[in-house]
Amino acid sequence: MQSMFPRFGRYAWLAWLFAMPALAAAPHRAGDIVIEHGTVKSGAGIDVPYEIGTLYVAENRQRAGSRVIGVGFARIRAKHPGSAPPVFWLPGGPGLSVLGALTDKDGTATGRLRSWLTYRDVGDLVVVEQRGYTRRGEMLVAARAALPLDRPGSVVADAQAMRAQARAAIAANPNRDLSGYDIGEFADDVDDLRRALDYDTITLFGGSFGSQWSLAVMRLHPRIVARAVLSSVEPLNNGYDMPSHVVAALQRIAYDADRDPGLAPYRPPGGVMEAVRTLHRRFASAPVRVPVRDEAGHMQTVVLGAQDLQLALLSHTQEGEQWPAFILSLYHGHYEDWAREVLEEREAGTTTLIGPLSDSSLGVTAAREHQLRTDPAVELLGTWDFEANIASAPDWPTRDMGDAVREPVVSTIPVVFVHGDWDTSTPIENTLGLLPYFPNGHAILVHRAGHDGTFYQLRGEPAVKQAIYTFLRTGKMDGLPAEASAPLPTFAVPSFAAPAKDVRKDEG
């Protein structure tokens, strides 16, 4: 599931320093590349050289004379040049820029850059930013209209708002060709950068949208990919999550939460999932009105209804250890924190454009859409995850990539899949359904891991992490298990004192 309200990153002075000369230069042609060099101190205080650059590409390769735009990238060379193909690291999102704030004031690498430096033992690392959301080119954003507070949220209203946003975005960008921001163009950017940097083949590394982007490269440019490591996998036909797969992940989280002693005073008989069912019945009977203060200190009343609850079940599942406390707080009638979040979400703001441009282009097959709409868990989660995107697809100008791209095909590319069974954004069933199409693939299913990157999911498995580095370097899968487990987390507890009343009474 793609985030409905992307957060904008913070960018340090270093990113601006590197970006400004490239953007102020004379007009470039598609295929041009500009590279600047820098040095960063590793955690051990060692000076490590790196490169940050801009690749210039056609905004729409399907149209002659298309405008030229920039795509940012960074490269860290291997400690010792060897035969291993470079690792091309593709960020998630879409709408995630990763080249900002790479160093502290003293030139020491930040956490993100320190993690990138570990790839130097594998080979060259190339980090590729996303067209339309890169400080080395353009950051395409659009205004998001405010939604009313005096009525419950509505999937229909959300779809209408996205359709209006598409029309407004086109009108606000008359000099840009927004039809050039589909998944095929993203994949072609990777191939163009490979050629510009003079690599024959590459290894792909990506999670979430980065995995979907990687799968598009593998589908459209299979000969250039030596191997891949993909986590939190989002297949090309699975941009919208099957509701029952999300609920299955919630049930797995609830299983451990139901055995957590800190949550015991708050749980009803039947546990966390029974609390969910009770809330479903409660909000189906009537909405609630919750008074809260906004950031300016003014009192506002937020009306929350059944469909708001559906959306909350989706949007509050990113961190498994936080979700049960949220549900139990609502169960006991503490709606204030939730209402405050909804208040912020319904305010006017901005959002990225490349998310809906890419998603509407890829879409899903008719068969998958039928499954989504008839899935039994739609009653619990609604159609929030796909309704607005499908309804607005004709309004966005990107091309329909077609079922030939969406549907999986057999690929002999060696791939290691890493997926957590607490992942509610890209459920683990995504990997299970895709694995049969990769005869040289290997899946590591991580119990209690969420929507995280490969190595964070394996944070308690140093030997497995090292085996993945070996795979990246050599292609060998020795030492890769079929399963792993993340440690049992400490579940958050509600912010209020446990109720003294008998919680056995069903409020539904």
Protein backbone atom coordinates (compact mmCIF):
# COMPACT_ATOMS: atom_id res chain seq x y z
CA MET A 1 0.00 0.00 0.00
CA GLN A 2 1.38 3.40 -0.93
CA SER A 3 1.29 6.11 1.73
CA MET A 4 -1.57 8.54 1.13
CA PHE A 5 0.30 11.40 2.77
CA PRO A 6 4.02 11.26 1.83
CA ARG A 7 6.41 13.06 4.10
CA PHE A 8 8.94 15.39 2.54
CA GLY A 9 12.58 14.71 3.43
CA ARG A 10 15.06 17.19 4.87
CA TYR A 11 17.98 18.15 2.65
CA ALA A 12 21.32 19.37 3.93
CA TRP A 13 23.39 22.21 2.50
CA LEU A 14 25.64 19.63 0.82
CA ALA A 15 22.86 18.41 -1.46
CA TRP A 16 22.07 21.97 -2.51
CA LEU A 17 25.75 22.70 -3.07
CA PHE A 18 26.04 19.79 -5.45
CA ALA A 19 22.68 20.38 -7.15
CA MET A 20 23.03 24.06 -7.95
CA PRO A 21 25.92 23.92 -10.46
CA ALA A 22 24.27 21.12 -12.42
CA LEU A 23 20.91 22.87 -12.56
CA ALA A 24 22.45 26.22 -13.51
CA ALA A 25 24.50 24.77 -16.36
CA ALA A 26 23.76 25.21 -20.06
CA PRO A 27 20.96 23.03 -21.49
CA HIS A 28 21.84 19.35 -21.66
CA ARG A 29 20.93 16.64 -24.11
CA ALA A 30 19.46 13.26 -23.21
CA GLY A 31 22.32 10.95 -22.31
CA ASP A 32 24.56 13.65 -20.84
CA ILE A 33 25.95 13.02 -17.39
CA VAL A 34 27.50 15.41 -14.86
CA ILE A 35 29.51 14.10 -11.90
CA GLU A 36 31.00 15.93 -8.92
CA HIS A 37 33.39 14.34 -6.45
CA GLY A 38 33.43 14.49 -2.68
CA THR A 39 34.95 12.81 0.36
CA VAL A 40 33.15 11.64 3.46
CA LYS A 41 34.47 10.28 6.73
CA SER A 42 33.33 6.80 7.62
CA GLY A 43 32.33 5.89 11.16
CA ALA A 44 35.94 4.80 11.70
CA GLY A 45 37.19 8.23 10.61
CA ILE A 46 38.52 7.03 7.26
CA ASP A 47 38.16 9.34 4.25
CA VAL A 48 36.03 7.65 1.60
CA PRO A 49 35.59 9.21 -1.86
CA TYR A 50 32.19 9.30 -3.46
CA GLU A 51 30.48 10.81 -6.48
CA ILE A 52 27.17 12.58 -6.82
CA GLY A 53 25.78 13.33 -10.23
CA THR A 54 22.97 14.03 -12.63
CA LEU A 55 21.88 11.91 -15.57
CA TYR A 56 19.93 13.80 -18.22
CA VAL A 57 17.09 11.93 -19.88
CA ALA A 58 14.09 12.62 -22.06
CA GLU A 59 11.00 13.40 -20.02
CA ASN A 60 9.03 11.16 -22.38
CA ARG A 61 11.01 8.78 -24.57
CA GLN A 62 7.86 8.02 -26.56
CA ARG A 63 7.76 11.54 -28.02
CA ALA A 64 10.33 13.11 -30.30
CA GLY A 65 11.72 16.41 -29.07
CA SER A 66 10.74 15.72 -25.47
CA ARG A 67 11.98 18.05 -22.77
CA VAL A 68 15.19 16.95 -20.98
CA ILE A 69 15.10 16.44 -17.21
CA GLY A 70 17.67 15.47 -14.58
CA VAL A 71 17.80 12.31 -12.48
CA GLY A 72 20.11 12.34 -9.47
CA PHE A 73 22.42 9.53 -8.47
CA ALA A 74 25.36 8.81 -6.19
CA ARG A 75 28.18 6.32 -6.55
CA ILE A 76 30.58 4.82 -4.02
CA ARG A 77 33.37 2.81 -5.55
CA ALA A 78 34.34 -0.64 -4.30
CA LYS A 79 37.31 -0.95 -1.96
CA HIS A 80 38.97 -3.26 -4.43
CA PRO A 81 37.87 -3.35 -8.09
CA GLY A 82 36.68 -6.80 -9.03
CA SER A 83 34.38 -8.74 -11.29
CA ALA A 84 31.18 -8.24 -9.26
CA PRO A 85 28.53 -6.18 -11.03
CA PRO A 86 27.65 -2.89 -9.32
CA VAL A 87 24.70 -2.80 -6.95
CA PHE A 88 22.03 -0.37 -8.14
CA TRP A 89 20.02 0.61 -5.06
CA LEU A 90 16.50 1.80 -5.96
CA PRO A 91 14.61 3.72 -3.23
CA GLY A 92 11.00 3.16 -2.26
CA GLY A 93 8.07 5.52 -2.24
CA PRO A 94 7.46 6.53 -4.91
CA GLY A 95 8.38 10.01 -3.79
CA LEU A 96 11.44 9.29 -1.65
CA SER A 97 14.54 11.40 -2.24
CA VAL A 98 17.64 9.96 -0.53
CA LEU A 99 20.56 12.17 -1.55
CA GLY A 100 20.02 14.87 1.05
CA ALA A 101 21.74 15.14 4.45
CA LEU A 102 24.51 12.68 3.62
CA THR A 103 27.02 14.17 6.06
CA ASP A 104 27.12 15.90 9.41
CA LYS A 105 28.72 19.33 9.79
CA ASP A 106 32.14 17.77 10.33
CA GLY A 107 31.86 15.73 7.13
CA THR A 108 31.11 12.43 8.89
CA ALA A 109 28.68 10.14 7.09
CA THR A 110 25.10 10.08 8.36
CA GLY A 111 23.37 6.80 9.16
CA ARG A 112 22.07 6.33 5.62
CA LEU A 113 25.46 6.96 4.02
CA ARG A 114 27.22 4.78 6.61
CA SER A 115 24.98 1.89 5.58
CA TRP A 116 25.85 2.51 1.94
CA LEU A 117 29.56 2.36 2.71
CA THR A 118 29.17 -1.28 3.74
CA TYR A 119 28.56 -2.18 0.09
CA ARG A 120 32.15 -1.28 -0.75
CA ASP A 121 33.10 -4.86 0.16
CA VAL A 122 30.67 -6.09 -2.51
CA GLY A 123 31.43 -3.78 -5.42
CA ASP A 124 30.44 -0.35 -6.65
CA LEU A 125 27.20 0.99 -5.20
CA VAL A 126 25.02 3.27 -7.35
CA VAL A 127 22.02 4.95 -5.70
CA VAL A 128 19.43 6.10 -8.23
CA GLU A 129 16.82 8.73 -7.45
CA GLN A 130 13.37 8.91 -9.03
CA ARG A 131 12.53 11.10 -11.98
CA GLY A 132 10.19 13.81 -10.83
CA TYR A 133 11.34 13.62 -7.22
CA THR A 134 15.04 14.38 -7.16
CA ARG A 135 16.94 17.46 -6.03
CA ARG A 136 19.18 16.93 -9.05
CA GLY A 137 16.22 17.57 -11.29
CA GLU A 138 12.66 18.45 -10.31
CA MET A 139 10.40 17.79 -7.34
CA LEU A 140 6.89 17.42 -8.76
CA VAL A 141 4.29 18.18 -6.11
CA ALA A 142 0.63 19.12 -6.23
CA ALA A 143 -1.77 20.91 -3.95
CA ARG A 144 -4.09 18.74 -1.90
CA ALA A 145 -7.46 20.32 -1.17
CA ALA A 146 -8.85 20.41 2.36
CA LEU A 147 -11.57 17.92 3.23
CA PRO A 148 -14.52 18.80 5.47
CA LEU A 149 -14.36 18.04 9.20
CA ASP A 150 -18.12 18.03 9.80
CA ARG A 151 -18.82 14.76 8.01
CA PRO A 152 -17.23 11.31 8.03
CA GLY A 153 -14.55 10.39 5.53
CA SER A 154 -15.67 8.74 2.32
CA VAL A 155 -13.98 6.57 -0.28
CA VAL A 156 -16.15 8.19 -2.95
CA ALA A 157 -15.09 11.68 -1.83
CA ASP A 158 -11.45 10.56 -1.80
CA ALA A 159 -11.75 9.31 -5.39
CA GLN A 160 -13.42 12.53 -6.51
CA ALA A 161 -10.64 14.53 -4.84
CA MET A 162 -7.95 12.56 -6.67
CA ARG A 163 -9.71 13.04 -10.00
CA ALA A 164 -9.82 16.79 -9.35
CA GLN A 165 -6.16 16.70 -8.30
CA ALA A 166 -5.20 15.05 -11.59
CA ARG A 167 -6.96 17.72 -13.64
CA ALA A 168 -5.45 20.49 -11.53
CA ALA A 169 -1.95 19.02 -11.81
CA ILE A 170 -2.12 18.93 -15.59
CA ALA A 171 -3.36 22.52 -15.71
CA ALA A 172 -0.61 23.65 -13.30
CA ASN A 173 2.18 22.07 -15.36
CA PRO A 174 1.65 23.23 -18.95
CA ASN A 175 5.38 23.07 -19.72
CA ARG A 176 5.87 19.57 -18.35
CA ASP A 177 4.91 16.32 -20.03
CA LEU A 178 3.38 14.44 -17.11
CA SER A 179 2.73 11.46 -19.36
CA GLY A 180 6.45 10.63 -19.03
CA TYR A 181 6.33 9.43 -15.43
CA ASP A 182 5.31 5.80 -15.80
CA ILE A 183 7.10 2.70 -14.53
CA GLY A 184 8.56 2.03 -17.98
CA GLU A 185 10.36 5.38 -17.97
CA PHE A 186 11.64 4.68 -14.46
CA ALA A 187 13.10 1.39 -15.70
CA ASP A 188 14.65 3.04 -18.76
CA ASP A 189 16.36 5.60 -16.50
CA VAL A 190 18.21 2.75 -14.78
CA ASP A 191 19.34 1.32 -18.10
CA ASP A 192 20.48 4.74 -19.34
CA LEU A 193 22.49 5.30 -16.16
CA ARG A 194 24.05 1.85 -16.49
CA ARG A 195 25.24 2.71 -19.99
CA ALA A 196 26.40 6.19 -18.98
CA LEU A 197 28.53 4.70 -16.20
CA ASP A 198 29.84 2.00 -18.55
CA TYR A 199 28.58 -1.13 -16.79
CA ASP A 200 27.63 -4.27 -18.72
CA THR A 201 25.36 -5.78 -16.09
CA ILE A 202 24.05 -4.68 -12.71
CA THR A 203 22.65 -6.14 -9.49
CA LEU A 204 19.38 -4.64 -8.26
CA PHE A 205 18.61 -3.92 -4.61
CA GLY A 206 15.27 -2.47 -3.59
CA GLY A 207 12.37 -2.64 -1.17
CA SER A 208 8.69 -1.71 -1.45
CA PHE A 209 8.33 0.52 -4.54
CA GLY A 210 12.06 -0.05 -5.06
CA SER A 211 11.28 -3.75 -5.51
CA GLN A 212 8.49 -2.95 -7.99
CA TRP A 213 10.84 -0.64 -9.86
CA SER A 214 13.45 -3.43 -9.88
CA LEU A 215 10.91 -5.93 -11.22
CA ALA A 216 10.10 -3.47 -14.02
CA VAL A 217 13.80 -3.29 -14.93
CA MET A 218 13.96 -7.09 -14.92
CA ARG A 219 10.88 -7.31 -17.15
CA LEU A 220 11.85 -4.61 -19.65
CA HIS A 221 15.67 -5.00 -19.59
CA PRO A 222 16.28 -8.60 -18.44
CA ARG A 223 19.69 -8.95 -20.08
CA ILE A 224 21.29 -6.23 -17.99
CA VAL A 225 20.39 -7.74 -14.59
CA ALA A 226 22.83 -10.25 -13.10
CA ARG A 227 20.85 -10.80 -9.87
CA ALA A 228 18.68 -8.99 -7.35
CA VAL A 229 17.81 -8.72 -3.66
CA LEU A 230 14.24 -7.55 -3.10
CA SER A 231 12.44 -6.94 0.19
CA SER A 232 8.86 -5.98 1.10
CA VAL A 233 8.09 -7.10 -2.40
CA GLU A 234 5.52 -5.31 -4.55
CA PRO A 235 4.90 -7.25 -7.78
CA LEU A 236 3.96 -5.34 -10.90
CA ASN A 237 0.34 -6.47 -10.59
CA ASN A 238 0.15 -5.94 -6.81
CA GLY A 239 0.33 -2.18 -6.43
CA TYR A 240 -2.96 -2.43 -4.52
CA ASP A 241 -3.04 -4.86 -1.60
CA MET A 242 -5.50 -7.72 -1.25
CA PRO A 243 -7.56 -6.81 1.85
CA SER A 244 -7.54 -10.35 3.26
CA HIS A 245 -3.74 -10.46 3.03
CA VAL A 246 -3.53 -7.27 5.09
CA VAL A 247 -5.95 -8.69 7.67
CA ALA A 248 -3.87 -11.88 7.87
CA ALA A 249 -0.84 -9.78 8.80
CA LEU A 250 -2.90 -7.96 11.43
CA GLN A 251 -3.97 -11.30 12.88
CA ARG A 252 -0.34 -12.37 13.23
CA ILE A 253 0.46 -9.14 15.07
CA ALA A 254 -2.59 -9.61 17.28
CA TYR A 255 -1.49 -13.16 18.20
CA ASP A 256 1.62 -11.88 19.99
CA ALA A 257 -0.17 -8.81 21.34
CA ASP A 258 -2.77 -11.07 22.94
CA ARG A 259 0.02 -12.68 24.97
CA ASP A 260 1.68 -9.43 26.03
CA PRO A 261 1.22 -8.85 29.78
CA GLY A 262 1.41 -5.06 29.43
CA LEU A 263 -1.68 -5.04 27.22
CA ALA A 264 -3.64 -7.54 29.32
CA PRO A 265 -5.59 -4.93 31.36
CA TYR A 266 -6.83 -3.29 28.17
CA ARG A 267 -7.78 -6.37 26.13
CA PRO A 268 -11.37 -7.57 25.81
CA PRO A 269 -12.17 -11.29 25.76
CA GLY A 270 -11.24 -12.47 22.30
CA GLY A 271 -8.22 -10.18 22.19
CA VAL A 272 -7.18 -7.43 19.80
CA MET A 273 -9.08 -8.75 16.78
CA GLU A 274 -12.27 -8.88 18.84
CA ALA A 275 -11.65 -5.21 19.64
CA VAL A 276 -11.45 -4.58 15.90
CA ARG A 277 -14.76 -6.36 15.33
CA THR A 278 -16.38 -4.41 18.15
CA LEU A 279 -15.19 -1.11 16.67
CA HIS A 280 -16.51 -2.19 13.27
CA ARG A 281 -19.97 -2.74 14.72
CA ARG A 282 -19.84 0.45 16.80
CA PHE A 283 -18.97 2.75 13.91
CA ALA A 284 -21.38 1.01 11.55
CA SER A 285 -24.19 2.12 13.86
CA ALA A 286 -23.24 5.81 14.04
CA PRO A 287 -20.31 8.22 13.61
CA VAL A 288 -18.71 9.99 16.54
CA ARG A 289 -17.88 13.68 17.02
CA VAL A 290 -14.53 14.34 18.66
CA PRO A 291 -13.45 17.84 19.82
CA VAL A 292 -9.69 18.45 19.53
CA ARG A 293 -7.35 21.42 19.40
CA ASP A 294 -5.56 22.17 16.16
CA GLU A 295 -1.94 23.37 15.96
CA ALA A 296 -3.05 26.97 16.45
CA GLY A 297 -4.81 26.04 19.69
CA HIS A 298 -8.34 26.40 18.31
CA MET A 299 -11.00 23.83 19.14
CA GLN A 300 -12.23 21.82 16.17
CA THR A 301 -14.75 19.02 15.97
CA VAL A 302 -13.83 16.06 13.78
CA VAL A 303 -16.56 13.67 12.68
CA LEU A 304 -15.34 10.08 12.35
CA GLY A 305 -17.36 7.34 10.71
CA ALA A 306 -17.22 3.73 9.59
CA GLN A 307 -15.07 4.44 6.55
CA ASP A 308 -12.63 6.51 8.64
CA LEU A 309 -12.18 3.41 10.78
CA GLN A 310 -11.45 1.35 7.67
CA LEU A 311 -8.78 3.84 6.63
CA ALA A 312 -7.34 3.90 10.14
CA LEU A 313 -6.92 0.13 10.12
CA LEU A 314 -4.79 0.56 6.99
CA SER A 315 -2.82 3.64 7.95
CA HIS A 316 -2.02 2.56 11.52
CA THR A 317 -0.36 -0.73 10.61
CA GLN A 318 3.14 0.44 9.66
CA GLU A 319 4.69 -0.52 13.00
CA GLY A 320 3.32 -3.72 14.46
CA GLU A 321 4.30 -2.90 18.04
CA GLN A 322 2.22 0.32 17.93
CA TRP A 323 -0.94 -0.99 16.30
CA PRO A 324 -2.52 -2.95 19.19
CA ALA A 325 -2.33 0.05 21.54
CA PHE A 326 -4.04 2.20 18.91
CA ILE A 327 -6.87 -0.33 18.52
CA LEU A 328 -7.31 -0.79 22.27
CA SER A 329 -7.39 2.98 22.80
CA LEU A 330 -10.27 3.26 20.33
CA TYR A 331 -11.99 0.27 21.90
CA HIS A 332 -12.06 2.13 25.23
CA GLY A 333 -13.41 5.30 23.61
CA HIS A 334 -10.20 7.33 23.53
CA TYR A 335 -10.48 8.92 20.09
CA GLU A 336 -8.56 12.18 20.61
CA ASP A 337 -5.17 11.17 19.17
CA TRP A 338 -6.84 9.56 16.18
CA ALA A 339 -9.05 12.63 15.60
CA ARG A 340 -6.00 14.90 15.76
CA GLU A 341 -4.30 12.84 13.06
CA VAL A 342 -7.40 12.93 10.88
CA LEU A 343 -7.60 16.69 11.40
CA GLU A 344 -4.09 17.07 9.99
CA GLU A 345 -4.80 14.68 7.13
CA ARG A 346 -7.92 16.59 6.08
CA GLU A 347 -6.12 19.93 5.99
CA ALA A 348 -4.97 21.38 2.67
CA GLY A 349 -1.39 20.55 1.82
CA THR A 350 0.87 19.15 -0.84
CA THR A 351 1.62 15.67 -2.09
CA THR A 352 3.96 14.14 -4.64
CA LEU A 353 2.82 13.65 -8.21
CA ILE A 354 4.92 10.69 -9.25
CA GLY A 355 2.99 8.32 -6.97
CA PRO A 356 -0.38 8.59 -8.72
CA LEU A 357 1.29 9.06 -12.12
CA SER A 358 3.18 5.79 -11.76
CA ASP A 359 0.40 3.85 -10.00
CA SER A 360 -2.29 4.83 -12.49
CA SER A 361 -0.04 3.78 -15.35
CA LEU A 362 0.65 0.35 -13.92
CA GLY A 363 -2.73 -0.34 -12.34
CA VAL A 364 -3.86 -3.96 -12.11
CA THR A 365 -5.32 -6.56 -14.43
CA ALA A 366 -9.09 -6.91 -14.66
CA ALA A 367 -8.85 -10.25 -12.85
CA ARG A 368 -6.93 -8.70 -9.95
CA GLU A 369 -9.40 -5.82 -9.71
CA HIS A 370 -12.25 -8.32 -9.49
CA GLN A 371 -10.45 -10.14 -6.68
CA LEU A 372 -9.82 -6.88 -4.84
CA ARG A 373 -13.44 -5.80 -5.01
CA THR A 374 -14.89 -9.19 -4.03
CA ASP A 375 -12.36 -10.02 -1.32
CA PRO A 376 -14.20 -10.86 1.94
CA ALA A 377 -12.05 -8.45 3.98
CA VAL A 378 -13.36 -5.46 1.99
CA GLU A 379 -16.10 -5.23 4.61
CA LEU A 380 -13.42 -4.54 7.24
CA LEU A 381 -10.92 -2.43 5.28
CA GLY A 382 -13.06 -0.98 2.51
CA THR A 383 -11.65 -0.05 -0.89
CA TRP A 384 -9.42 2.81 0.28
CA ASP A 385 -6.27 1.18 -1.00
CA PHE A 386 -7.31 1.16 -4.65
CA GLU A 387 -10.58 3.02 -5.29
CA ALA A 388 -9.14 6.50 -5.87
CA ASN A 389 -6.30 5.26 -8.06
CA ILE A 390 -8.54 3.15 -10.27
CA ALA A 391 -11.21 5.85 -10.54
CA SER A 392 -8.70 8.56 -11.46
CA ALA A 393 -6.54 6.50 -13.83
CA PRO A 394 -8.25 7.97 -16.95
CA ASP A 395 -7.56 11.48 -15.65
CA TRP A 396 -3.80 11.02 -15.29
CA PRO A 397 -1.88 11.32 -18.57
CA THR A 398 0.53 8.38 -18.17
CA ARG A 399 0.09 5.48 -20.56
CA ASP A 400 -1.44 2.15 -19.57
CA MET A 401 1.50 -0.28 -19.39
CA GLY A 402 -0.76 -3.23 -20.26
CA ASP A 403 -1.24 -6.72 -18.88
CA ALA A 404 1.89 -7.99 -20.67
CA VAL A 405 3.91 -5.92 -18.19
CA ARG A 406 1.66 -6.45 -15.17
CA GLU A 407 1.31 -10.22 -15.23
CA PRO A 408 4.26 -12.26 -13.91
CA VAL A 409 6.38 -14.29 -16.31
CA VAL A 410 9.08 -16.88 -15.70
CA SER A 411 12.51 -15.31 -15.17
CA THR A 412 15.83 -17.12 -14.70
CA ILE A 413 17.44 -14.12 -12.97
CA PRO A 414 18.66 -15.21 -9.50
CA VAL A 415 16.72 -13.29 -6.85
CA VAL A 416 16.74 -13.35 -3.06
CA PHE A 417 13.40 -12.24 -1.63
CA VAL A 418 13.22 -11.09 2.01
CA HIS A 419 9.75 -10.52 3.42
CA GLY A 420 8.28 -10.04 6.88
CA ASP A 421 4.99 -11.66 7.89
CA TRP A 422 3.98 -8.51 9.84
CA ASP A 423 4.17 -6.43 6.67
CA THR A 424 0.79 -4.76 6.14
CA SER A 425 1.93 -2.43 3.33
CA THR A 426 3.13 -5.18 1.01
CA PRO A 427 1.83 -8.43 2.52
CA ILE A 428 4.04 -11.53 2.52
CA GLU A 429 1.64 -13.24 0.08
CA ASN A 430 3.19 -10.98 -2.59
CA THR A 431 6.47 -12.91 -2.36
CA LEU A 432 4.75 -16.28 -2.01
CA GLY A 433 2.77 -15.66 -5.19
CA LEU A 434 5.78 -14.42 -7.16
CA LEU A 435 8.38 -17.01 -6.11
CA PRO A 436 7.18 -19.81 -8.48
CA TYR A 437 8.04 -17.58 -11.45
CA PHE A 438 11.71 -17.43 -10.35
CA PRO A 439 13.20 -20.92 -10.59
CA ASN A 440 16.53 -19.48 -9.42
CA GLY A 441 14.90 -17.52 -6.63
CA HIS A 442 15.13 -17.98 -2.88
CA ALA A 443 12.78 -16.53 -0.26
CA ILE A 444 13.60 -15.72 3.36
CA LEU A 445 10.38 -15.29 5.33
CA VAL A 446 10.99 -13.29 8.48
CA HIS A 447 8.55 -13.78 11.35
CA ARG A 448 7.54 -10.54 13.11
CA ALA A 449 9.28 -8.31 10.56
CA GLY A 450 7.30 -5.45 9.09
CA HIS A 451 7.60 -3.19 6.07
CA ASP A 452 11.33 -2.74 6.43
CA GLY A 453 14.44 -2.91 4.31
CA THR A 454 16.31 -6.16 3.80
CA PHE A 455 18.98 -5.76 6.43
CA TYR A 456 16.73 -4.23 9.08
CA GLN A 457 14.39 -7.21 8.77
CA LEU A 458 17.43 -9.42 9.41
CA ARG A 459 18.85 -7.26 12.20
CA GLY A 460 19.00 -10.26 14.55
CA GLU A 461 20.63 -12.55 11.95
CA PRO A 462 24.24 -11.40 11.30
CA ALA A 463 25.20 -14.63 9.53
CA VAL A 464 22.25 -14.31 7.15
CA LYS A 465 23.08 -10.67 6.44
CA GLN A 466 26.61 -11.69 5.56
CA ALA A 467 25.28 -14.44 3.30
CA ILE A 468 23.26 -11.82 1.40
CA TYR A 469 26.40 -9.70 0.93
CA THR A 470 28.06 -12.85 -0.44
CA PHE A 471 25.15 -13.34 -2.85
CA LEU A 472 25.43 -9.74 -4.02
CA ARG A 473 29.14 -10.24 -4.67
CA THR A 474 29.20 -13.76 -6.11
CA GLY A 475 25.64 -14.91 -6.81
CA LYS A 476 26.05 -17.87 -4.43
CA MET A 477 23.10 -18.64 -2.15
CA ASP A 478 25.00 -20.74 0.40
CA GLY A 479 23.95 -20.03 3.97
CA LEU A 480 20.59 -18.48 3.11
CA PRO A 481 17.81 -19.93 5.29
CA ALA A 482 14.17 -20.25 4.31
CA GLU A 483 13.00 -18.61 7.54
CA ALA A 484 14.23 -16.21 10.18
CA SER A 485 12.66 -14.41 13.13
CA ALA A 486 12.82 -10.86 14.34
CA PRO A 487 12.85 -10.48 18.13
CA LEU A 488 9.53 -10.14 19.93
CA PRO A 489 9.00 -6.38 20.28
CA THR A 490 7.94 -4.49 23.34
CA PHE A 491 4.39 -3.53 22.53
CA ALA A 492 3.34 0.04 23.20
CA VAL A 493 0.51 0.42 25.73
CA PRO A 494 -2.33 2.97 25.63
CA SER A 495 -1.50 6.37 27.08
CA PHE A 496 -4.27 6.21 29.71
CA ALA A 497 -4.54 4.13 32.85
CA ALA A 498 -6.05 0.69 32.45
CA PRO A 499 -9.80 0.81 33.08
CA ALA A 500 -11.07 -0.48 36.39
CA LYS A 501 -14.38 -1.52 34.88
CA ASP A 502 -15.07 -5.01 33.60
CA VAL A 503 -13.80 -4.97 30.03
CA ARG A 504 -15.76 -8.12 29.32
CA LYS A 505 -18.77 -6.04 28.32
CA ASP A 506 -19.04 -5.87 24.59
CA GLU A 507 -19.81 -2.29 23.58
CA GLY A 508 -20.88 -3.33 20.10
